[in-house]
Amino acid sequence: LAERLLATARQHLLSAEALASTDAHLAYAALH
């Protein structure tokens, strides 16, 4: 479960980067 949480965190980082230019608020929520 801890490893899945980290994998999800990494996916959120990718999502934040992809969304930064189109939806900064959602991207920032992904960073958090």
PDB file of all heavy atoms in Angstrom:
ATOM      1  N   LEU A   1       0.829  -1.198   0.000  1.00  0.00           N
ATOM      2  CA  LEU A   1       0.000   0.000   0.000  1.00  0.00           C
ATOM      3  C   LEU A   1       0.869   1.256   0.000  1.00  0.00           C
ATOM      4  O   LEU A   1       0.605   2.208  -0.739  1.00  0.00           O
ATOM      5  CB  LEU A   1      -0.952   0.017   1.200  1.00  0.00           C
ATOM      6  CG  LEU A   1      -1.820   1.263   1.347  1.00  0.00           C
ATOM      7  CD1 LEU A   1      -2.644   1.528   0.091  1.00  0.00           C
ATOM      8  CD2 LEU A   1      -2.711   1.142   2.579  1.00  0.00           C
ATOM      9  N   ALA A   2       1.918   1.261   0.807  1.00  0.00           N
ATOM     10  CA  ALA A   2       2.830   2.404   0.833  1.00  0.00           C
ATOM     11  C   ALA A   2       3.457   2.615  -0.548  1.00  0.00           C
ATOM     12  O   ALA A   2       3.565   3.751  -1.023  1.00  0.00           O
ATOM     13  CB  ALA A   2       3.914   2.193   1.891  1.00  0.00           C
ATOM     14  N   GLU A   3       3.836   1.530  -1.205  1.00  0.00           N
ATOM     15  CA  GLU A   3       4.419   1.638  -2.544  1.00  0.00           C
ATOM     16  C   GLU A   3       3.394   2.147  -3.553  1.00  0.00           C
ATOM     17  O   GLU A   3       3.735   2.923  -4.447  1.00  0.00           O
ATOM     18  CB  GLU A   3       4.995   0.289  -2.974  1.00  0.00           C
ATOM     19  CG  GLU A   3       6.230  -0.084  -2.176  1.00  0.00           C
ATOM     20  CD  GLU A   3       6.679  -1.521  -2.370  1.00  0.00           C
ATOM     21  OE1 GLU A   3       5.903  -2.346  -2.934  1.00  0.00           O
ATOM     22  OE2 GLU A   3       7.811  -1.838  -1.948  1.00  0.00           O
ATOM     23  N   ARG A   4       2.131   1.732  -3.403  1.00  0.00           N
ATOM     24  CA  ARG A   4       1.070   2.245  -4.292  1.00  0.00           C
ATOM     25  C   ARG A   4       0.831   3.733  -4.073  1.00  0.00           C
ATOM     26  O   ARG A   4       0.595   4.487  -5.025  1.00  0.00           O
ATOM     27  CB  ARG A   4      -0.225   1.463  -4.094  1.00  0.00           C
ATOM     28  CG  ARG A   4      -0.218   0.103  -4.778  1.00  0.00           C
ATOM     29  CD  ARG A   4      -1.606  -0.517  -4.887  1.00  0.00           C
ATOM     30  NE  ARG A   4      -2.317  -0.635  -3.633  1.00  0.00           N
ATOM     31  CZ  ARG A   4      -2.228  -1.663  -2.795  1.00  0.00           C
ATOM     32  NH1 ARG A   4      -1.448  -2.681  -3.082  1.00  0.00           N
ATOM     33  NH2 ARG A   4      -2.932  -1.681  -1.676  1.00  0.00           N
ATOM     34  N   LEU A   5       0.897   4.167  -2.815  1.00  0.00           N
ATOM     35  CA  LEU A   5       0.763   5.597  -2.534  1.00  0.00           C
ATOM     36  C   LEU A   5       1.869   6.387  -3.230  1.00  0.00           C
ATOM     37  O   LEU A   5       1.619   7.441  -3.818  1.00  0.00           O
ATOM     38  CB  LEU A   5       0.794   5.855  -1.023  1.00  0.00           C
ATOM     39  CG  LEU A   5      -0.473   5.495  -0.260  1.00  0.00           C
ATOM     40  CD1 LEU A   5      -0.196   5.479   1.239  1.00  0.00           C
ATOM     41  CD2 LEU A   5      -1.592   6.476  -0.585  1.00  0.00           C
ATOM     42  N   LEU A   6       3.089   5.864  -3.180  1.00  0.00           N
ATOM     43  CA  LEU A   6       4.205   6.544  -3.859  1.00  0.00           C
ATOM     44  C   LEU A   6       4.030   6.521  -5.378  1.00  0.00           C
ATOM     45  O   LEU A   6       4.311   7.522  -6.050  1.00  0.00           O
ATOM     46  CB  LEU A   6       5.541   5.906  -3.484  1.00  0.00           C
ATOM     47  CG  LEU A   6       6.162   6.394  -2.190  1.00  0.00           C
ATOM     48  CD1 LEU A   6       7.426   5.606  -1.866  1.00  0.00           C
ATOM     49  CD2 LEU A   6       6.471   7.878  -2.260  1.00  0.00           C
ATOM     50  N   ALA A   7       3.566   5.414  -5.914  1.00  0.00           N
ATOM     51  CA  ALA A   7       3.338   5.338  -7.360  1.00  0.00           C
ATOM     52  C   ALA A   7       2.256   6.336  -7.778  1.00  0.00           C
ATOM     53  O   ALA A   7       2.384   7.011  -8.811  1.00  0.00           O
ATOM     54  CB  ALA A   7       2.940   3.913  -7.764  1.00  0.00           C
ATOM     55  N   THR A   8       1.220   6.451  -6.979  1.00  0.00           N
ATOM     56  CA  THR A   8       0.169   7.424  -7.263  1.00  0.00           C
ATOM     57  C   THR A   8       0.715   8.843  -7.179  1.00  0.00           C
ATOM     58  O   THR A   8       0.383   9.698  -8.008  1.00  0.00           O
ATOM     59  CB  THR A   8      -1.016   7.244  -6.288  1.00  0.00           C
ATOM     60  OG1 THR A   8      -1.509   5.905  -6.427  1.00  0.00           O
ATOM     61  CG2 THR A   8      -2.126   8.227  -6.579  1.00  0.00           C
ATOM     62  N   ALA A   9       1.573   9.089  -6.185  1.00  0.00           N
ATOM     63  CA  ALA A   9       2.201  10.408  -6.053  1.00  0.00           C
ATOM     64  C   ALA A   9       3.001  10.742  -7.312  1.00  0.00           C
ATOM     65  O   ALA A   9       2.932  11.863  -7.823  1.00  0.00           O
ATOM     66  CB  ALA A   9       3.093  10.449  -4.818  1.00  0.00           C
ATOM     67  N   ARG A  10       3.737   9.773  -7.819  1.00  0.00           N
ATOM     68  CA  ARG A  10       4.516  10.006  -9.052  1.00  0.00           C
ATOM     69  C   ARG A  10       3.594  10.301 -10.242  1.00  0.00           C
ATOM     70  O   ARG A  10       3.888  11.158 -11.065  1.00  0.00           O
ATOM     71  CB  ARG A  10       5.415   8.817  -9.352  1.00  0.00           C
ATOM     72  CG  ARG A  10       6.541   8.695  -8.364  1.00  0.00           C
ATOM     73  CD  ARG A  10       7.799   8.120  -8.974  1.00  0.00           C
ATOM     74  NE  ARG A  10       8.821   8.001  -7.960  1.00  0.00           N
ATOM     75  CZ  ARG A  10       9.614   8.983  -7.570  1.00  0.00           C
ATOM     76  NH1 ARG A  10       9.512  10.168  -8.123  1.00  0.00           N
ATOM     77  NH2 ARG A  10      10.530   8.794  -6.639  1.00  0.00           N
ATOM     78  N   GLN A  11       2.471   9.599 -10.313  1.00  0.00           N
ATOM     79  CA  GLN A  11       1.517   9.862 -11.394  1.00  0.00           C
ATOM     80  C   GLN A  11       0.948  11.270 -11.268  1.00  0.00           C
ATOM     81  O   GLN A  11       0.765  11.968 -12.264  1.00  0.00           O
ATOM     82  CB  GLN A  11       0.390   8.824 -11.389  1.00  0.00           C
ATOM     83  CG  GLN A  11      -0.588   9.008 -12.525  1.00  0.00           C
ATOM     84  CD  GLN A  11       0.087   8.917 -13.888  1.00  0.00           C
ATOM     85  OE1 GLN A  11       0.814   7.973 -14.171  1.00  0.00           O
ATOM     86  NE2 GLN A  11      -0.136   9.909 -14.732  1.00  0.00           N
ATOM     87  N   HIS A  12       0.689  11.703 -10.044  1.00  0.00           N
ATOM     88  CA  HIS A  12       0.193  13.067  -9.827  1.00  0.00           C
ATOM     89  C   HIS A  12       1.203  14.106 -10.307  1.00  0.00           C
ATOM     90  O   HIS A  12       0.820  15.155 -10.838  1.00  0.00           O
ATOM     91  CB  HIS A  12      -0.122  13.301  -8.356  1.00  0.00           C
ATOM     92  CG  HIS A  12      -1.358  12.601  -7.870  1.00  0.00           C
ATOM     93  ND1 HIS A  12      -2.377  12.170  -8.687  1.00  0.00           N
ATOM     94  CD2 HIS A  12      -1.729  12.269  -6.615  1.00  0.00           C
ATOM     95  CE1 HIS A  12      -3.315  11.601  -7.962  1.00  0.00           C
ATOM     96  NE2 HIS A  12      -2.954  11.645  -6.692  1.00  0.00           N
ATOM     97  N   LEU A  13       2.484  13.827 -10.118  1.00  0.00           N
ATOM     98  CA  LEU A  13       3.519  14.756 -10.595  1.00  0.00           C
ATOM     99  C   LEU A  13       3.472  14.875 -12.116  1.00  0.00           C
ATOM    100  O   LEU A  13       3.568  15.983 -12.664  1.00  0.00           O
ATOM    101  CB  LEU A  13       4.912  14.301 -10.145  1.00  0.00           C
ATOM    102  CG  LEU A  13       5.172  14.319  -8.646  1.00  0.00           C
ATOM    103  CD1 LEU A  13       6.525  13.704  -8.344  1.00  0.00           C
ATOM    104  CD2 LEU A  13       5.072  15.727  -8.083  1.00  0.00           C
ATOM    105  N   LEU A  14       3.309  13.735 -12.787  1.00  0.00           N
ATOM    106  CA  LEU A  14       3.203  13.752 -14.252  1.00  0.00           C
ATOM    107  C   LEU A  14       1.956  14.515 -14.685  1.00  0.00           C
ATOM    108  O   LEU A  14       1.985  15.293 -15.643  1.00  0.00           O
ATOM    109  CB  LEU A  14       3.174  12.328 -14.805  1.00  0.00           C
ATOM    110  CG  LEU A  14       4.450  11.503 -14.616  1.00  0.00           C
ATOM    111  CD1 LEU A  14       4.226  10.058 -15.063  1.00  0.00           C
ATOM    112  CD2 LEU A  14       5.617  12.129 -15.360  1.00  0.00           C
ATOM    113  N   SER A  15       0.863  14.288 -13.969  1.00  0.00           N
ATOM    114  CA  SER A  15      -0.384  14.992 -14.296  1.00  0.00           C
ATOM    115  C   SER A  15      -0.226  16.494 -14.106  1.00  0.00           C
ATOM    116  O   SER A  15      -0.702  17.286 -14.920  1.00  0.00           O
ATOM    117  CB  SER A  15      -1.521  14.476 -13.421  1.00  0.00           C
ATOM    118  OG  SER A  15      -1.784  13.120 -13.700  1.00  0.00           O
ATOM    119  N   ALA A  16       0.437  16.883 -13.017  1.00  0.00           N
ATOM    120  CA  ALA A  16       0.641  18.310 -12.752  1.00  0.00           C
ATOM    121  C   ALA A  16       1.427  18.964 -13.876  1.00  0.00           C
ATOM    122  O   ALA A  16       1.074  20.056 -14.345  1.00  0.00           O
ATOM    123  CB  ALA A  16       1.364  18.505 -11.417  1.00  0.00           C
ATOM    124  N   GLU A  17       2.460  18.281 -14.311  1.00  0.00           N
ATOM    125  CA  GLU A  17       3.269  18.831 -15.397  1.00  0.00           C
ATOM    126  C   GLU A  17       2.446  18.950 -16.684  1.00  0.00           C
ATOM    127  O   GLU A  17       2.501  19.963 -17.375  1.00  0.00           O
ATOM    128  CB  GLU A  17       4.501  17.955 -15.630  1.00  0.00           C
ATOM    129  CG  GLU A  17       5.485  18.554 -16.585  1.00  0.00           C
ATOM    130  CD  GLU A  17       6.801  17.804 -16.608  1.00  0.00           C
ATOM    131  OE1 GLU A  17       6.861  16.650 -16.164  1.00  0.00           O
ATOM    132  OE2 GLU A  17       7.780  18.401 -17.093  1.00  0.00           O
ATOM    133  N   ALA A  18       1.652  17.926 -16.970  1.00  0.00           N
ATOM    134  CA  ALA A  18       0.852  17.936 -18.203  1.00  0.00           C
ATOM    135  C   ALA A  18      -0.253  18.990 -18.159  1.00  0.00           C
ATOM    136  O   ALA A  18      -0.597  19.574 -19.181  1.00  0.00           O
ATOM    137  CB  ALA A  18       0.237  16.549 -18.433  1.00  0.00           C
ATOM    138  N   LEU A  19      -0.802  19.255 -16.976  1.00  0.00           N
ATOM    139  CA  LEU A  19      -1.928  20.184 -16.849  1.00  0.00           C
ATOM    140  C   LEU A  19      -1.520  21.629 -16.582  1.00  0.00           C
ATOM    141  O   LEU A  19      -2.370  22.521 -16.613  1.00  0.00           O
ATOM    142  CB  LEU A  19      -2.844  19.727 -15.705  1.00  0.00           C
ATOM    143  CG  LEU A  19      -3.631  18.452 -15.937  1.00  0.00           C
ATOM    144  CD1 LEU A  19      -4.261  17.975 -14.636  1.00  0.00           C
ATOM    145  CD2 LEU A  19      -4.686  18.696 -17.007  1.00  0.00           C
ATOM    146  N   ALA A  20      -0.254  21.861 -16.314  1.00  0.00           N
ATOM    147  CA  ALA A  20       0.193  23.193 -15.885  1.00  0.00           C
ATOM    148  C   ALA A  20      -0.264  24.306 -16.825  1.00  0.00           C
ATOM    149  O   ALA A  20      -0.692  25.363 -16.375  1.00  0.00           O
ATOM    150  CB  ALA A  20       1.712  23.222 -15.738  1.00  0.00           C
ATOM    151  N   SER A  21      -0.200  24.071 -18.113  1.00  0.00           N
ATOM    152  CA  SER A  21      -0.534  25.140 -19.061  1.00  0.00           C
ATOM    153  C   SER A  21      -2.032  25.250 -19.362  1.00  0.00           C
ATOM    154  O   SER A  21      -2.490  26.290 -19.821  1.00  0.00           O
ATOM    155  CB  SER A  21       0.235  24.946 -20.372  1.00  0.00           C
ATOM    156  OG  SER A  21      -0.170  23.752 -20.997  1.00  0.00           O
ATOM    157  N   THR A  22      -2.789  24.198 -19.086  1.00  0.00           N
ATOM    158  CA  THR A  22      -4.216  24.227 -19.429  1.00  0.00           C
ATOM    159  C   THR A  22      -5.143  24.367 -18.226  1.00  0.00           C
ATOM    160  O   THR A  22      -6.239  24.897 -18.362  1.00  0.00           O
ATOM    161  CB  THR A  22      -4.616  22.960 -20.208  1.00  0.00           C
ATOM    162  OG1 THR A  22      -4.328  21.809 -19.407  1.00  0.00           O
ATOM    163  CG2 THR A  22      -3.876  22.891 -21.539  1.00  0.00           C
ATOM    164  N   ASP A  23      -4.726  23.877 -17.072  1.00  0.00           N
ATOM    165  CA  ASP A  23      -5.550  23.968 -15.868  1.00  0.00           C
ATOM    166  C   ASP A  23      -4.624  24.038 -14.652  1.00  0.00           C
ATOM    167  O   ASP A  23      -4.385  23.035 -13.971  1.00  0.00           O
ATOM    168  CB  ASP A  23      -6.501  22.774 -15.768  1.00  0.00           C
ATOM    169  CG  ASP A  23      -7.557  22.954 -14.689  1.00  0.00           C
ATOM    170  OD1 ASP A  23      -7.372  23.802 -13.791  1.00  0.00           O
ATOM    171  OD2 ASP A  23      -8.566  22.227 -14.734  1.00  0.00           O
ATOM    172  N   ALA A  24      -4.114  25.225 -14.404  1.00  0.00           N
ATOM    173  CA  ALA A  24      -3.122  25.400 -13.345  1.00  0.00           C
ATOM    174  C   ALA A  24      -3.660  25.015 -11.969  1.00  0.00           C
ATOM    175  O   ALA A  24      -2.925  24.463 -11.142  1.00  0.00           O
ATOM    176  CB  ALA A  24      -2.613  26.838 -13.328  1.00  0.00           C
ATOM    177  N   HIS A  25      -4.922  25.279 -11.694  1.00  0.00           N
ATOM    178  CA  HIS A  25      -5.492  24.941 -10.386  1.00  0.00           C
ATOM    179  C   HIS A  25      -5.531  23.434 -10.167  1.00  0.00           C
ATOM    180  O   HIS A  25      -5.169  22.947  -9.089  1.00  0.00           O
ATOM    181  CB  HIS A  25      -6.888  25.545 -10.230  1.00  0.00           C
ATOM    182  CG  HIS A  25      -6.852  27.022 -10.031  1.00  0.00           C
ATOM    183  ND1 HIS A  25      -6.690  27.595  -8.797  1.00  0.00           N
ATOM    184  CD2 HIS A  25      -6.914  28.032 -10.919  1.00  0.00           C
ATOM    185  CE1 HIS A  25      -6.678  28.908  -8.924  1.00  0.00           C
ATOM    186  NE2 HIS A  25      -6.807  29.200 -10.208  1.00  0.00           N
ATOM    187  N   LEU A  26      -5.943  22.691 -11.167  1.00  0.00           N
ATOM    188  CA  LEU A  26      -5.964  21.239 -11.054  1.00  0.00           C
ATOM    189  C   LEU A  26      -4.535  20.696 -10.967  1.00  0.00           C
ATOM    190  O   LEU A  26      -4.259  19.762 -10.206  1.00  0.00           O
ATOM    191  CB  LEU A  26      -6.720  20.614 -12.224  1.00  0.00           C
ATOM    192  CG  LEU A  26      -6.992  19.118 -12.127  1.00  0.00           C
ATOM    193  CD1 LEU A  26      -7.737  18.773 -10.841  1.00  0.00           C
ATOM    194  CD2 LEU A  26      -7.780  18.656 -13.343  1.00  0.00           C
ATOM    195  N   ALA A  27      -3.628  21.285 -11.718  1.00  0.00           N
ATOM    196  CA  ALA A  27      -2.227  20.887 -11.663  1.00  0.00           C
ATOM    197  C   ALA A  27      -1.662  21.104 -10.262  1.00  0.00           C
ATOM    198  O   ALA A  27      -0.936  20.262  -9.729  1.00  0.00           O
ATOM    199  CB  ALA A  27      -1.409  21.664 -12.691  1.00  0.00           C
ATOM    200  N   TYR A  28      -2.019  22.225  -9.650  1.00  0.00           N
ATOM    201  CA  TYR A  28      -1.520  22.519  -8.309  1.00  0.00           C
ATOM    202  C   TYR A  28      -2.114  21.567  -7.276  1.00  0.00           C
ATOM    203  O   TYR A  28      -1.427  21.142  -6.343  1.00  0.00           O
ATOM    204  CB  TYR A  28      -1.803  23.980  -7.939  1.00  0.00           C
ATOM    205  CG  TYR A  28      -0.711  24.555  -7.099  1.00  0.00           C
ATOM    206  CD1 TYR A  28       0.420  25.098  -7.686  1.00  0.00           C
ATOM    207  CD2 TYR A  28      -0.780  24.512  -5.718  1.00  0.00           C
ATOM    208  CE1 TYR A  28       1.446  25.597  -6.917  1.00  0.00           C
ATOM    209  CE2 TYR A  28       0.237  25.017  -4.943  1.00  0.00           C
ATOM    210  CZ  TYR A  28       1.359  25.559  -5.539  1.00  0.00           C
ATOM    211  OH  TYR A  28       2.377  26.046  -4.782  1.00  0.00           O
ATOM    212  N   ALA A  29      -3.371  21.211  -7.460  1.00  0.00           N
ATOM    213  CA  ALA A  29      -3.987  20.223  -6.568  1.00  0.00           C
ATOM    214  C   ALA A  29      -3.244  18.892  -6.685  1.00  0.00           C
ATOM    215  O   ALA A  29      -3.045  18.189  -5.677  1.00  0.00           O
ATOM    216  CB  ALA A  29      -5.459  20.050  -6.905  1.00  0.00           C
ATOM    217  N   ALA A  30      -2.811  18.554  -7.888  1.00  0.00           N
ATOM    218  CA  ALA A  30      -2.046  17.316  -8.087  1.00  0.00           C
ATOM    219  C   ALA A  30      -0.692  17.389  -7.379  1.00  0.00           C
ATOM    220  O   ALA A  30      -0.244  16.394  -6.802  1.00  0.00           O
ATOM    221  CB  ALA A  30      -1.858  17.042  -9.580  1.00  0.00           C
ATOM    222  N   LEU A  31      -0.051  18.561  -7.408  1.00  0.00           N
ATOM    223  CA  LEU A  31       1.216  18.726  -6.671  1.00  0.00           C
ATOM    224  C   LEU A  31       1.000  18.489  -5.178  1.00  0.00           C
ATOM    225  O   LEU A  31       1.756  17.757  -4.530  1.00  0.00           O
ATOM    226  CB  LEU A  31       1.783  20.139  -6.861  1.00  0.00           C
ATOM    227  CG  LEU A  31       2.393  20.522  -8.181  1.00  0.00           C
ATOM    228  CD1 LEU A  31       2.932  21.948  -8.109  1.00  0.00           C
ATOM    229  CD2 LEU A  31       3.486  19.556  -8.591  1.00  0.00           C
ATOM    230  N   HIS A  32      -0.019  19.131  -4.651  1.00  0.00           N
ATOM    231  CA  HIS A  32      -0.308  18.987  -3.222  1.00  0.00           C
ATOM    232  C   HIS A  32      -0.618  17.524  -2.873  1.00  0.00           C
ATOM    233  O   HIS A  32      -0.107  16.989  -1.883  1.00  0.00           O
ATOM    234  CB  HIS A  32      -1.473  19.892  -2.822  1.00  0.00           C
ATOM    235  CG  HIS A  32      -1.850  19.747  -1.396  1.00  0.00           C
ATOM    236  ND1 HIS A  32      -2.958  19.065  -0.988  1.00  0.00           N
ATOM    237  CD2 HIS A  32      -1.231  20.168  -0.270  1.00  0.00           C
ATOM    238  CE1 HIS A  32      -3.016  19.067   0.330  1.00  0.00           C
ATOM    239  NE2 HIS A  32      -1.991  19.741   0.792  1.00  0.00           N
TER     240      HIS A  32
END
